[in-house]
Structure formats: C-alpha cells, structure tokens
Amino acid sequence: MIRGTVVIAEDICKGCELCIEACPQESLGLSDKINLKGYRYAVLVKDNCTGCVNCALVCPDAAIIVYRQKKPTKTAGPQVEVPI
C-alpha cells in the first residue's frame, strides 16, 4: 500500500473544510486550536494517508503539500552477466 502524508500551512488555512470532504481516506479534520487569523485549521487526524493529493487540489489557498513515499521496487534477484 502506498503511504503519504500532508503538511498544512496552519497560518494560511481558513478552515473551509474542502480538503476534509475531498479526502477518500477521511485522514483530515479541523483542529481544536485557532490560527493567527482566527480560523480552525485542517490537520491530519489519521495516519492512513495514501498521498492521493485530492486535498491539495481542492485547497483554494494552496495551504497543503502532499508527500508520497516511493513504491518499493521488486528485486529481480542477482544480476548475472551472460557473454555474447
């Protein structure tokens, strides 16, 4: 399973909740705290983010950056040189 995480710029977020609605994993929620502008901001509430970037795409203030882990590569076994 591909894993991801998000970083939300708390001072930019206005708590519009668009990212929360767009998240298929229900990984986001609103903070109990208030930012400098007086808004409750979005936070990661579950550690099940897949890095789908839906939240970042719908954010009107570009307050979300998504990071996705690389897929693990399958090893094909030892490399053997064959003379031609």
C-alpha atoms as a PDB file:
ATOM      1  CA  MET A   1       0.000   0.000   0.000  1.00  0.00           C
ATOM      2  CA  ILE A   2       1.288   3.422  -0.905  1.00  0.00           C
ATOM      3  CA  ARG A   3       1.710   5.746   2.063  1.00  0.00           C
ATOM      4  CA  GLY A   4       1.647   9.509   2.138  1.00  0.00           C
ATOM      5  CA  THR A   5       1.410  12.448   4.456  1.00  0.00           C
ATOM      6  CA  VAL A   6       0.381  16.084   4.260  1.00  0.00           C
ATOM      7  CA  VAL A   7       1.848  19.293   5.597  1.00  0.00           C
ATOM      8  CA  ILE A   8      -0.690  22.049   6.130  1.00  0.00           C
ATOM      9  CA  ALA A   9       0.359  25.685   6.464  1.00  0.00           C
ATOM     10  CA  GLU A  10      -1.654  26.456   9.589  1.00  0.00           C
ATOM     11  CA  ASP A  11      -1.322  30.238   9.209  1.00  0.00           C
ATOM     12  CA  ILE A  12      -2.731  30.134   5.656  1.00  0.00           C
ATOM     13  CA  CYS A  13      -5.598  27.672   6.183  1.00  0.00           C
ATOM     14  CA  LYS A  14      -9.056  29.230   6.583  1.00  0.00           C
ATOM     15  CA  GLY A  15     -10.789  26.031   7.676  1.00  0.00           C
ATOM     16  CA  CYS A  16     -13.062  25.861   4.640  1.00  0.00           C
ATOM     17  CA  GLU A  17     -13.195  22.044   5.012  1.00  0.00           C
ATOM     18  CA  LEU A  18     -12.925  21.384   1.273  1.00  0.00           C
ATOM     19  CA  CYS A  19      -9.895  19.187   1.872  1.00  0.00           C
ATOM     20  CA  ILE A  20     -11.739  17.216   4.541  1.00  0.00           C
ATOM     21  CA  GLU A  21     -14.583  16.464   2.141  1.00  0.00           C
ATOM     22  CA  ALA A  22     -12.163  15.575  -0.682  1.00  0.00           C
ATOM     23  CA  CYS A  23     -10.169  13.044   1.352  1.00  0.00           C
ATOM     24  CA  PRO A  24     -11.273   9.489   0.466  1.00  0.00           C
ATOM     25  CA  GLN A  25      -9.393   8.097   3.483  1.00  0.00           C
ATOM     26  CA  GLU A  26     -11.005  10.523   5.960  1.00  0.00           C
ATOM     27  CA  SER A  27      -7.497  11.438   7.134  1.00  0.00           C
ATOM     28  CA  LEU A  28      -8.167  15.145   7.729  1.00  0.00           C
ATOM     29  CA  GLY A  29     -10.162  17.081  10.287  1.00  0.00           C
ATOM     30  CA  LEU A  30     -10.315  20.518  11.882  1.00  0.00           C
ATOM     31  CA  SER A  31      -8.015  21.444  14.723  1.00  0.00           C
ATOM     32  CA  ASP A  32      -9.376  22.445  18.093  1.00  0.00           C
ATOM     33  CA  LYS A  33      -6.870  25.319  18.027  1.00  0.00           C
ATOM     34  CA  ILE A  34      -7.256  28.622  16.197  1.00  0.00           C
ATOM     35  CA  ASN A  35      -4.602  30.148  13.927  1.00  0.00           C
ATOM     36  CA  LEU A  36      -3.448  33.785  13.894  1.00  0.00           C
ATOM     37  CA  LYS A  37      -6.285  34.740  11.535  1.00  0.00           C
ATOM     38  CA  GLY A  38      -8.919  33.299  13.881  1.00  0.00           C
ATOM     39  CA  TYR A  39      -9.738  30.125  11.940  1.00  0.00           C
ATOM     40  CA  ARG A  40      -9.735  26.493  12.970  1.00  0.00           C
ATOM     41  CA  TYR A  41      -7.296  24.932  10.512  1.00  0.00           C
ATOM     42  CA  ALA A  42      -7.121  21.495   8.890  1.00  0.00           C
ATOM     43  CA  VAL A  43      -4.915  18.830  10.452  1.00  0.00           C
ATOM     44  CA  LEU A  44      -4.032  15.205   9.787  1.00  0.00           C
ATOM     45  CA  VAL A  45      -6.169  13.184  12.226  1.00  0.00           C
ATOM     46  CA  LYS A  46      -5.479   9.641  10.994  1.00  0.00           C
ATOM     47  CA  ASP A  47      -2.260   8.009   9.869  1.00  0.00           C
ATOM     48  CA  ASN A  48      -3.796   6.407   6.787  1.00  0.00           C
ATOM     49  CA  CYS A  49      -2.996   8.974   4.082  1.00  0.00           C
ATOM     50  CA  THR A  50      -2.249   7.435   0.683  1.00  0.00           C
ATOM     51  CA  GLY A  51      -0.891  10.627  -0.889  1.00  0.00           C
ATOM     52  CA  CYS A  52      -3.723  10.905  -3.422  1.00  0.00           C
ATOM     53  CA  VAL A  53      -3.359  14.753  -3.498  1.00  0.00           C
ATOM     54  CA  ASN A  54      -7.139  15.372  -3.606  1.00  0.00           C
ATOM     55  CA  CYS A  55      -6.831  17.689  -0.612  1.00  0.00           C
ATOM     56  CA  ALA A  56      -4.123  19.815  -2.218  1.00  0.00           C
ATOM     57  CA  LEU A  57      -6.039  20.058  -5.489  1.00  0.00           C
ATOM     58  CA  VAL A  58      -9.171  21.497  -3.859  1.00  0.00           C
ATOM     59  CA  CYS A  59      -7.421  23.849  -1.416  1.00  0.00           C
ATOM     60  CA  PRO A  60      -8.227  27.408  -2.572  1.00  0.00           C
ATOM     61  CA  ASP A  61      -5.256  28.853  -0.674  1.00  0.00           C
ATOM     62  CA  ALA A  62      -2.617  26.259  -1.653  1.00  0.00           C
ATOM     63  CA  ALA A  63      -2.013  25.579   2.041  1.00  0.00           C
ATOM     64  CA  ILE A  64      -1.415  21.837   1.608  1.00  0.00           C
ATOM     65  CA  ILE A  65       1.673  19.991   0.421  1.00  0.00           C
ATOM     66  CA  VAL A  66       1.392  16.227  -0.094  1.00  0.00           C
ATOM     67  CA  TYR A  67       4.317  13.868   0.248  1.00  0.00           C
ATOM     68  CA  ARG A  68       4.115  10.319  -1.075  1.00  0.00           C
ATOM     69  CA  GLN A  69       6.537   7.516  -0.334  1.00  0.00           C
ATOM     70  CA  LYS A  70       8.070   5.826  -3.338  1.00  0.00           C
ATOM     71  CA  LYS A  71       6.807   2.417  -4.287  1.00  0.00           C
ATOM     72  CA  PRO A  72       9.133  -0.321  -3.106  1.00  0.00           C
ATOM     73  CA  THR A  73      10.990  -1.816  -6.037  1.00  0.00           C
ATOM     74  CA  LYS A  74      10.850  -5.518  -6.587  1.00  0.00           C
ATOM     75  CA  THR A  75      14.223  -7.145  -6.812  1.00  0.00           C
ATOM     76  CA  ALA A  76      14.720  -9.433  -9.757  1.00  0.00           C
ATOM     77  CA  GLY A  77      17.358 -11.472  -7.982  1.00  0.00           C
ATOM     78  CA  PRO A  78      21.095 -11.460  -8.544  1.00  0.00           C
ATOM     79  CA  GLN A  79      22.328  -9.964 -11.777  1.00  0.00           C
ATOM     80  CA  VAL A  80      24.275 -12.428 -13.875  1.00  0.00           C
ATOM     81  CA  GLU A  81      26.328 -11.309 -16.836  1.00  0.00           C
ATOM     82  CA  VAL A  82      25.911 -13.503 -19.880  1.00  0.00           C
ATOM     83  CA  PRO A  83      28.685 -13.487 -22.506  1.00  0.00           C
ATOM     84  CA  ILE A  84      27.538 -12.571 -26.009  1.00  0.00           C
END
